Protein backbone atom coordinates (compact mmCIF):
# COMPACT_ATOMS: atom_id res chain seq x y z
CA MET A 1 105.90 27.55 110.99
CA LYS A 2 103.12 26.83 108.44
CA ASN A 3 100.66 28.09 110.87
CA ALA A 4 101.91 30.59 111.99
CA VAL A 5 100.41 33.10 109.27
CA PRO A 6 96.64 31.78 109.31
CA LYS A 7 96.65 31.96 113.05
CA ALA A 8 98.08 35.42 113.74
CA ILE A 9 95.15 36.67 111.11
CA ALA A 10 92.79 34.44 113.23
CA VAL A 11 93.94 36.56 116.14
CA SER A 12 93.87 39.63 114.38
CA HIS A 13 90.36 39.43 113.42
CA ILE A 14 89.50 38.31 117.11
CA ILE A 15 90.98 41.59 118.69
CA ASP A 16 89.52 43.55 115.73
CA GLU A 17 86.11 42.17 116.92
CA VAL A 18 86.52 42.66 120.32
CA LEU A 19 87.74 46.45 119.62
CA ARG A 20 84.75 46.84 117.75
CA ARG A 21 82.52 45.78 120.11
CA ASP A 22 84.29 46.88 123.27
CA ARG A 23 86.71 50.01 122.26
CA GLY A 24 84.43 52.34 124.01
CA ARG A 25 84.26 50.77 127.28
CA ILE A 26 87.64 49.81 127.50
CA LEU A 27 88.75 53.20 126.18
CA SER A 28 86.81 55.06 128.15
CA GLY A 29 88.13 53.01 131.47
CA LEU A 30 91.64 54.20 130.62
CA ILE A 31 90.81 57.43 130.21
CA SER A 32 89.30 58.09 133.39
CA ARG A 33 92.05 56.00 135.05
CA PHE A 34 94.70 58.49 133.74
CA GLY A 35 92.55 61.68 133.15
CA ASP A 36 94.33 62.22 129.78
CA PHE A 37 93.25 61.34 126.37
CA GLN A 38 95.96 60.96 124.34
CA MET A 39 97.69 58.34 127.03
CA GLY A 40 94.29 56.40 127.21
CA GLU A 41 94.23 55.80 123.17
CA ASP A 42 98.02 55.18 123.33
CA ALA A 43 97.72 53.01 125.78
CA LEU A 44 94.89 50.87 124.58
CA GLN A 45 96.81 50.69 120.78
CA GLU A 46 100.20 49.30 122.89
CA ALA A 47 97.42 46.90 124.54
CA SER A 48 96.11 45.61 121.39
CA VAL A 49 99.39 45.30 119.43
CA ALA A 50 100.82 42.75 122.57
CA ALA A 51 97.68 41.27 122.63
CA LEU A 52 98.64 40.51 118.55
CA LYS A 53 101.82 38.81 120.15
CA HIS A 54 100.69 37.43 123.13
CA TRP A 55 97.46 35.63 122.16
CA GLY A 56 99.28 34.06 119.34
CA ARG A 57 101.43 32.23 121.48
CA VAL A 58 99.69 31.42 124.52
CA GLY A 59 95.59 31.37 123.12
CA ILE A 60 92.63 33.57 123.66
CA PRO A 61 92.13 34.98 127.14
CA HIS A 62 89.15 33.71 129.00
CA ASP A 63 88.12 37.72 128.81
CA PRO A 64 89.87 39.85 126.17
CA VAL A 65 88.30 43.17 127.35
CA ALA A 66 89.78 42.56 130.99
CA TRP A 67 92.99 41.54 129.49
CA LEU A 68 93.45 44.47 127.15
CA MET A 69 92.04 46.79 130.17
CA LYS A 70 94.95 45.56 132.25
CA VAL A 71 97.50 45.48 129.99
CA GLY A 72 96.81 49.11 129.02
CA LEU A 73 96.75 50.28 132.17
CA ASN A 74 100.36 48.75 132.45
CA LYS A 75 101.22 50.08 129.53
CA GLY A 76 100.34 54.08 130.45
CA ILE A 77 102.34 53.66 133.95
CA ASP A 78 104.79 52.61 131.81
CA GLN A 79 104.90 55.83 129.65
CA ILE A 80 104.29 57.97 133.01
CA ARG A 81 107.75 55.86 134.71
CA SER A 82 109.73 56.20 131.37
CA ALA A 83 109.20 59.92 131.57
CA GLN A 84 109.82 60.30 134.86
CA ARG A 85 106.51 62.30 135.03
CA GLU A 86 103.43 62.37 137.48
CA ALA A 87 105.32 60.05 139.72
CA ILE A 88 102.45 60.57 142.18
CA ARG A 89 99.95 59.33 139.90
CA ALA A 90 101.84 56.59 138.78
CA ASN A 91 102.79 55.14 142.16
CA ASP A 92 98.61 55.42 142.99
CA LEU A 93 97.68 53.51 140.09
CA ALA A 94 100.72 50.92 140.46
CA ILE A 95 99.35 49.85 144.17
CA SER A 96 95.77 48.80 142.45
CA THR A 97 97.20 47.48 139.46
CA PRO A 98 99.17 43.75 139.20
CA ASN A 99 102.43 43.97 138.29
CA HIS A 100 102.05 41.44 135.86
CA VAL A 101 98.70 41.02 133.72
CA TYR A 102 99.16 38.30 131.31
CA ASP A 103 97.83 35.84 133.34
CA ASP A 104 94.52 35.11 132.36
CA ILE A 105 92.18 35.94 135.73
CA PRO A 106 88.79 36.86 134.89
CA GLU A 107 88.06 40.40 136.11
CA THR A 108 84.78 42.36 135.98
CA ILE A 109 85.63 46.33 134.23
CA PRO A 110 83.37 48.77 135.34
CA ASP A 111 82.15 50.91 132.52
CA GLU A 112 83.11 54.10 132.23
CA ARG A 113 81.75 55.29 129.24
CA LEU A 114 79.00 57.22 130.93
CA ARG A 115 81.50 59.15 133.23
CA LEU A 116 83.55 59.72 129.71
CA ILE A 117 80.42 61.23 128.48
CA PHE A 118 79.82 63.68 130.80
CA THR A 119 83.61 64.83 131.01
CA CYS A 120 83.12 65.71 127.20
CA CYS A 121 80.07 67.43 127.96
CA HIS A 122 81.54 70.05 130.24
CA PRO A 123 80.29 73.51 130.04
CA ALA A 124 83.86 75.01 129.17
CA LEU A 125 84.12 73.11 126.17
CA GLU A 126 81.47 74.38 123.18
CA GLU A 127 78.98 72.17 122.65
CA LYS A 128 80.01 71.04 119.19
CA SER A 129 83.17 70.16 120.73
CA ARG A 130 81.45 68.08 123.34
CA ILE A 131 79.62 66.29 121.18
CA ALA A 132 82.27 65.48 118.68
CA LEU A 133 84.75 64.52 121.33
CA THR A 134 81.92 62.22 122.93
CA LEU A 135 81.56 60.59 119.09
CA ARG A 136 85.14 60.28 118.75
CA THR A 137 85.91 58.92 121.88
CA VAL A 138 82.60 56.54 123.16
CA CYS A 139 81.53 55.66 119.67
CA HIS A 140 85.09 55.56 118.11
CA LEU A 141 83.51 57.36 115.32
CA THR A 142 86.15 58.51 112.75
CA THR A 143 87.20 62.26 112.21
CA ARG A 144 85.82 61.95 108.82
CA GLU A 145 82.15 60.66 109.97
CA ILE A 146 81.97 63.08 112.57
CA ALA A 147 82.78 66.18 109.93
CA SER A 148 80.25 64.38 107.93
CA ALA A 149 78.03 64.56 110.28
CA PHE A 150 78.50 68.50 111.45
CA LEU A 151 79.40 69.13 107.44
CA ASP A 152 82.72 70.25 108.27
CA ASN A 153 85.89 69.14 106.78
CA GLU A 154 88.05 66.39 108.14
CA GLN A 155 90.85 68.80 109.02
CA THR A 156 89.15 71.27 110.64
CA MET A 157 86.94 68.47 112.54
CA GLY A 158 90.58 67.04 113.77
CA GLN A 159 91.73 70.39 115.01
CA ARG A 160 88.38 70.61 117.13
CA LEU A 161 88.85 67.72 119.01
CA SER A 162 92.37 68.04 119.65
CA ARG A 163 91.59 71.53 121.02
CA ALA A 164 89.09 70.08 123.32
CA LYS A 165 91.44 67.47 124.50
CA LYS A 166 94.20 69.93 125.60
CA LYS A 167 91.31 72.04 127.29
CA ILE A 168 89.89 69.32 129.53
CA ARG A 169 93.78 68.47 130.32
CA SER A 170 94.98 72.37 130.77
CA LYS A 171 91.97 73.04 133.55
CA GLY A 172 92.07 69.85 135.43
CA ILE A 173 88.42 68.98 134.21
CA SER A 174 87.42 65.79 136.48
CA PHE A 175 86.70 62.66 134.95
CA SER A 176 83.59 62.11 136.94
CA VAL A 177 79.89 62.10 137.35
CA PRO A 178 79.00 65.42 138.86
CA GLU A 179 77.00 65.83 141.86
CA SER A 180 73.12 66.26 141.17
CA ASP A 181 73.61 70.39 141.39
CA GLY A 182 76.33 70.03 138.58
CA TRP A 183 73.61 68.33 136.36
CA THR A 184 71.56 70.92 135.00
CA GLU A 185 74.48 72.44 132.61
CA ARG A 186 75.23 69.56 131.38
CA LEU A 187 72.36 66.85 130.95
CA GLY A 188 71.03 68.31 127.72
CA THR A 189 74.44 67.97 125.99
CA VAL A 190 74.66 64.20 127.40
CA LEU A 191 71.10 63.27 126.66
CA SER A 192 71.81 64.90 123.03
CA THR A 193 74.76 63.03 122.61
CA ILE A 194 73.63 59.61 123.90
CA TYR A 195 70.59 60.12 121.75
CA LEU A 196 72.93 60.97 118.55
CA ILE A 197 75.20 57.67 119.69
CA PHE A 198 71.47 55.98 119.59
CA THR A 199 70.69 57.31 116.41
CA THR A 200 74.20 57.09 114.37
CA GLY A 201 73.38 53.01 114.90
CA TYR A 202 70.00 53.22 114.13
CA VAL A 203 70.86 54.87 110.46
CA ARG A 204 73.62 52.70 109.89
CA GLU A 205 72.60 50.03 106.76
CA ASP A 206 75.75 47.73 108.23
CA THR A 207 75.75 47.60 112.17
CA GLY A 208 78.36 44.75 112.27
CA PRO A 209 79.04 42.96 115.59
CA ARG A 210 78.53 46.18 117.54
CA ASP A 211 75.18 47.46 117.96
CA LEU A 212 74.99 51.14 118.83
CA CYS A 213 71.13 51.69 119.17
CA GLU A 214 71.44 48.69 122.15
CA GLU A 215 74.51 50.75 123.56
CA GLY A 216 72.77 54.13 123.53
CA ILE A 217 69.97 52.84 125.01
CA PHE A 218 72.00 50.92 127.56
CA LEU A 219 73.69 54.16 128.32
CA MET A 220 70.27 56.05 128.73
CA ARG A 221 69.17 53.24 130.86
CA LEU A 222 72.26 53.82 133.10
CA LEU A 223 71.26 57.60 133.21
CA ARG A 224 67.97 56.93 134.62
CA LYS A 225 68.91 54.85 137.55
CA LEU A 226 71.62 57.55 138.30
CA CYS A 227 68.84 60.09 137.82
CA PRO A 228 65.44 58.28 138.69
CA ASN A 229 62.35 60.81 138.20
CA GLU A 230 63.84 62.95 135.75
CA PRO A 231 61.32 63.75 132.73
CA GLU A 232 64.05 64.38 130.14
CA ILE A 233 66.11 61.27 130.49
CA GLU A 234 62.61 59.29 130.75
CA GLY A 235 61.43 60.95 127.52
CA ALA A 236 64.89 60.69 125.84
CA LEU A 237 64.83 56.71 127.23
CA ALA A 238 61.13 56.36 126.04
CA LEU A 239 61.72 57.78 122.49
CA MET A 240 64.94 55.27 121.48
CA LEU A 241 62.55 52.62 122.84
CA LEU A 242 59.72 53.74 120.49
CA THR A 243 61.94 54.31 117.86
CA ASP A 244 64.19 51.02 118.37
CA ALA A 245 61.08 48.61 118.85
CA ARG A 246 60.17 49.72 114.50
CA ARG A 247 63.81 49.18 113.35
CA VAL A 248 62.82 45.61 112.01
CA ALA A 249 60.02 46.96 109.97
CA ARG A 250 62.41 49.70 108.57
CA ILE A 251 63.19 48.36 105.73
CA ASP A 252 61.09 45.98 103.37
CA GLY A 253 62.40 42.89 101.22
CA ASP A 254 63.97 45.21 98.41
CA GLY A 255 66.40 47.14 100.80
CA ALA A 256 64.04 50.62 101.13
CA ILE A 257 63.01 52.40 103.79
CA VAL A 258 59.26 52.20 104.98
CA PRO A 259 57.52 55.02 106.27
CA ILE A 260 56.18 54.49 109.89
CA GLU A 261 52.75 54.87 108.72
CA LYS A 262 53.18 51.66 106.21
CA GLN A 263 55.10 49.71 108.58
CA ASN A 264 53.92 45.93 109.68
CA GLU A 265 52.79 46.88 112.90
CA GLU A 266 52.65 43.10 113.69
CA ILE A 267 56.46 42.63 113.76
CA TRP A 268 57.22 45.73 116.14
CA GLN A 269 58.55 45.03 118.96
CA ASN A 270 55.46 45.25 121.17
CA ASP A 271 57.46 44.70 124.48
CA MET A 272 59.65 47.48 123.89
CA VAL A 273 56.34 49.78 122.52
CA ALA A 274 54.53 49.17 125.76
CA GLU A 275 57.62 49.73 128.27
CA GLY A 276 58.12 52.91 126.01
CA ARG A 277 54.83 54.35 126.04
CA SER A 278 54.93 53.75 129.84
CA ILE A 279 57.91 55.16 130.16
CA LEU A 280 56.39 58.33 128.54
CA GLU A 281 53.36 58.27 130.66
CA ASP A 282 55.34 58.45 133.93
CA ALA A 283 57.26 61.45 132.41
CA ILE A 284 54.53 63.41 131.28
CA GLY A 285 53.11 62.93 134.89
CA ARG A 286 55.73 64.68 136.52
CA MET A 287 54.15 68.34 134.42
CA GLN A 288 57.60 69.69 133.20
CA PRO A 289 57.71 69.42 129.92
CA GLY A 290 60.85 68.97 128.04
CA PRO A 291 61.84 68.52 123.85
CA PHE A 292 62.75 64.82 124.55
CA GLN A 293 59.18 64.07 126.03
CA ILE A 294 57.54 65.97 123.20
CA LYS A 295 59.27 64.18 120.40
CA ALA A 296 58.84 61.03 121.67
CA ALA A 297 55.23 61.79 122.29
CA ILE A 298 55.45 62.65 118.20
CA ALA A 299 57.12 59.30 117.84
CA ASP A 300 54.10 57.31 119.68
CA CYS A 301 51.59 59.55 117.84
CA HIS A 302 53.32 58.48 114.41
CA MET A 303 52.73 55.02 115.11
CA LEU A 304 48.80 55.07 116.07
CA ARG A 305 46.51 52.68 114.21
CA PRO A 306 44.76 52.83 111.71
CA LYS A 307 46.10 56.05 110.83
CA PRO A 308 48.58 58.34 112.99
CA ASP A 309 47.32 61.58 114.72
CA TRP A 310 48.63 64.24 112.25
CA PRO A 311 46.51 66.99 113.97
CA GLN A 312 48.14 66.11 117.16
CA MET A 313 51.45 65.84 115.77
CA SER A 314 51.14 69.27 114.90
CA LEU A 315 50.45 70.68 118.18
CA LEU A 316 53.37 69.15 119.13
CA TYR A 317 55.36 70.32 116.92
CA ARG A 318 54.37 73.86 117.77
CA ALA A 319 54.94 73.09 121.53
CA LEU A 320 58.89 71.68 120.68
CA TRP A 321 59.22 74.72 118.43
CA VAL A 322 59.27 76.93 121.88
CA PHE A 323 62.30 74.69 122.99
CA GLU A 324 64.07 73.78 119.87
CA PRO A 325 63.09 76.78 116.97
CA THR A 326 65.48 75.20 114.33
CA PRO A 327 64.98 74.64 110.67
CA VAL A 328 65.15 70.91 110.96
CA VAL A 329 62.29 71.32 113.48
CA ALA A 330 60.00 73.59 110.90
CA LEU A 331 61.03 71.15 108.21
CA ASN A 332 59.34 68.34 110.23
CA TRP A 333 56.72 70.31 111.18
CA SER A 334 56.03 71.45 107.64
CA VAL A 335 55.90 67.61 106.31
CA VAL A 336 53.18 67.22 109.25
CA ILE A 337 50.70 70.29 108.19
CA ALA A 338 50.76 68.69 104.81
CA GLU A 339 49.82 65.42 106.23
CA THR A 340 46.59 67.56 107.88
CA GLY A 341 45.52 68.71 104.25
CA HIS A 342 46.84 72.10 104.19
CA TYR A 343 49.51 71.96 101.30
CA GLU A 344 50.11 75.12 100.23
CA LEU A 345 50.81 76.20 103.65
CA ALA A 346 53.06 73.33 104.45
CA LEU A 347 54.73 74.61 101.09
CA GLN A 348 54.99 78.73 101.99
CA LYS A 349 56.55 77.57 105.39
CA LEU A 350 59.18 74.36 103.05
CA ASP A 351 59.78 77.85 100.72
CA GLU A 352 60.56 80.09 103.80
CA LEU A 353 63.57 77.23 104.90
CA GLN A 354 64.74 77.49 101.65
CA SER A 355 68.23 79.29 102.37
CA LYS A 356 68.66 77.48 105.39
CA LEU A 357 68.33 74.41 103.99
CA LYS A 358 69.74 74.60 100.49
CA ASN A 359 72.05 71.81 101.21
CA TYR A 360 70.14 69.45 103.22
CA GLN A 361 68.73 66.64 101.40
CA PRO A 362 65.52 66.00 103.46
CA TRP A 363 63.99 69.38 102.39
CA TYR A 364 64.09 67.91 98.69
CA ALA A 365 62.13 64.95 99.81
CA ALA A 366 59.96 66.81 101.75
CA ARG A 367 59.43 69.53 98.80
CA GLY A 368 58.93 66.43 95.95
CA HIS A 369 56.26 64.99 98.55
CA ILE A 370 54.17 67.67 98.80
CA LEU A 371 54.57 69.18 95.34
CA ALA A 372 53.21 66.01 94.03
CA LYS A 373 50.05 66.42 96.63
CA LEU A 374 49.33 69.81 95.29
CA GLY A 375 49.48 68.27 91.21
CA GLU A 376 52.91 70.00 90.66
CA PHE A 377 54.32 67.13 88.95
CA SER A 378 57.28 69.06 87.09
CA GLY A 379 58.19 70.65 90.13
CA ALA A 380 57.88 67.76 92.69
CA ARG A 381 59.84 64.99 90.19
CA ASN A 382 62.90 67.92 90.08
CA ALA A 383 63.05 67.85 94.02
CA TYR A 384 62.93 63.63 93.73
CA ILE A 385 65.81 63.88 91.14
CA GLN A 386 67.83 66.06 93.47
CA ALA A 387 67.13 64.05 96.75
CA ILE A 388 68.04 60.77 95.36
CA HIS A 389 71.61 62.68 94.13
CA THR A 390 72.52 63.13 97.83
CA ALA A 391 70.61 60.49 99.57
CA PRO A 392 72.28 59.62 102.80
CA SER A 393 72.02 55.72 102.48
CA ASP A 394 70.92 53.18 99.44
CA ALA A 395 67.60 52.63 102.02
CA SER A 396 66.76 56.28 101.33
CA ARG A 397 67.58 56.43 97.90
CA LYS A 398 65.31 53.52 97.06
CA LEU A 399 62.37 54.74 98.30
CA LEU A 400 62.60 57.80 96.90
CA GLU A 401 63.61 56.06 93.42
CA ARG A 402 60.05 54.47 93.73
CA LYS A 403 57.94 57.67 94.56
CA LEU A 404 59.68 59.28 91.31
CA ASP A 405 58.63 55.95 89.44
CA ILE A 406 54.95 55.99 90.58
CA LEU A 407 54.87 60.10 89.79
CA ASN A 408 56.42 59.24 86.42
CA LEU A 409 53.84 56.57 85.86
CA SER A 410 50.87 58.59 87.02
CA ASN A 411 51.59 61.30 84.58
CA GLN A 412 52.04 59.50 81.55
CA PRO A 413 50.10 60.52 78.75
CA LYS A 414 47.04 57.91 78.34
CA CYS A 415 46.47 56.74 74.73
CA HIS A 416 43.16 56.62 73.18
CA SER A 417 42.55 54.26 70.56
CA GLN A 418 40.65 55.96 67.69
CA ARG A 419 37.59 54.50 65.86
CA SER A 420 37.43 54.31 62.14
CA GLU A 421 34.04 55.98 60.77
């Protein structure tokens, strides 16, 4: 009896770790089998409760993911039978699912995440809803985290997610990867969503046991296998690889972000850099330009040594603007223009974005940087203070504080000793 509480706590920690690492994989499989988001989520919740009791009694199974998947399937079937609805589907599922699933039998669980992403990205849903639903189900981001990413409040985002799930159910949208002729209308959103999974992991300071960068790259590789020789898929994969190769150099010993041009290239993952550049070269060779290829080329130019190729990056942003004429692209282009030495033009373009980006923290950071280059130190100081106040992470804040300190030190009045006559 004395060991019961510590044992239950240990089992609870193990379940939490498995779910943090593989929840998206398990949930995707359950939702795909049942064809219902809520049923899949409920089934996984019940399987987790069952695991807490069963694992504490007989020990941790050899394959916890397979165990949760099989028990979740049984729990879902029980829901269908107890409600006496969808009897045909329940019978079909029962044929392929063991009646008793508590035995420790190793089983390979297919990865259904990509199928679920294509379902979430169905054109019948609004693009914002597509991405939000994918982040909720595949990445297990909380409603609050998703709302924050879209600058929405939590209640509004919760309602959006609920409507999206209901629409998939009411329209009978199938949980499957469409045939090649149905890819065009979904591929752009699928690529953007997988890349958002990657970037969500990249900017997190505490990744925990689950690596969303690794997950995003895995899904993009899987997508490339399903549709080889697709230049935009190759461009997106190249962008991820070139970015992830620098992850170890992104934060310095003091916990501050290190700009790409100042990173120590010797600690980049060279094999990943070489693979990313090779894939990008293949994509460009297909002569079908697209936004992800251009973004990957920009990343490549930014990584060149002894210094980035800023003029080429400016031309690439001009090309990207044709595909994505957004304020954020314009902001990044302005920063690159400043690095080519055209500070006045860069500031002019930045000022034109003020009404659209007045609540966007990087706008203030960019403005501080450009004003400092122009010698307008008071304005630069105010912009940096605003950027620090709204910094999205400690690492970003520390970099900006360092820039502000340098600005303050370089503009202190100099004291001259007076000679006595």
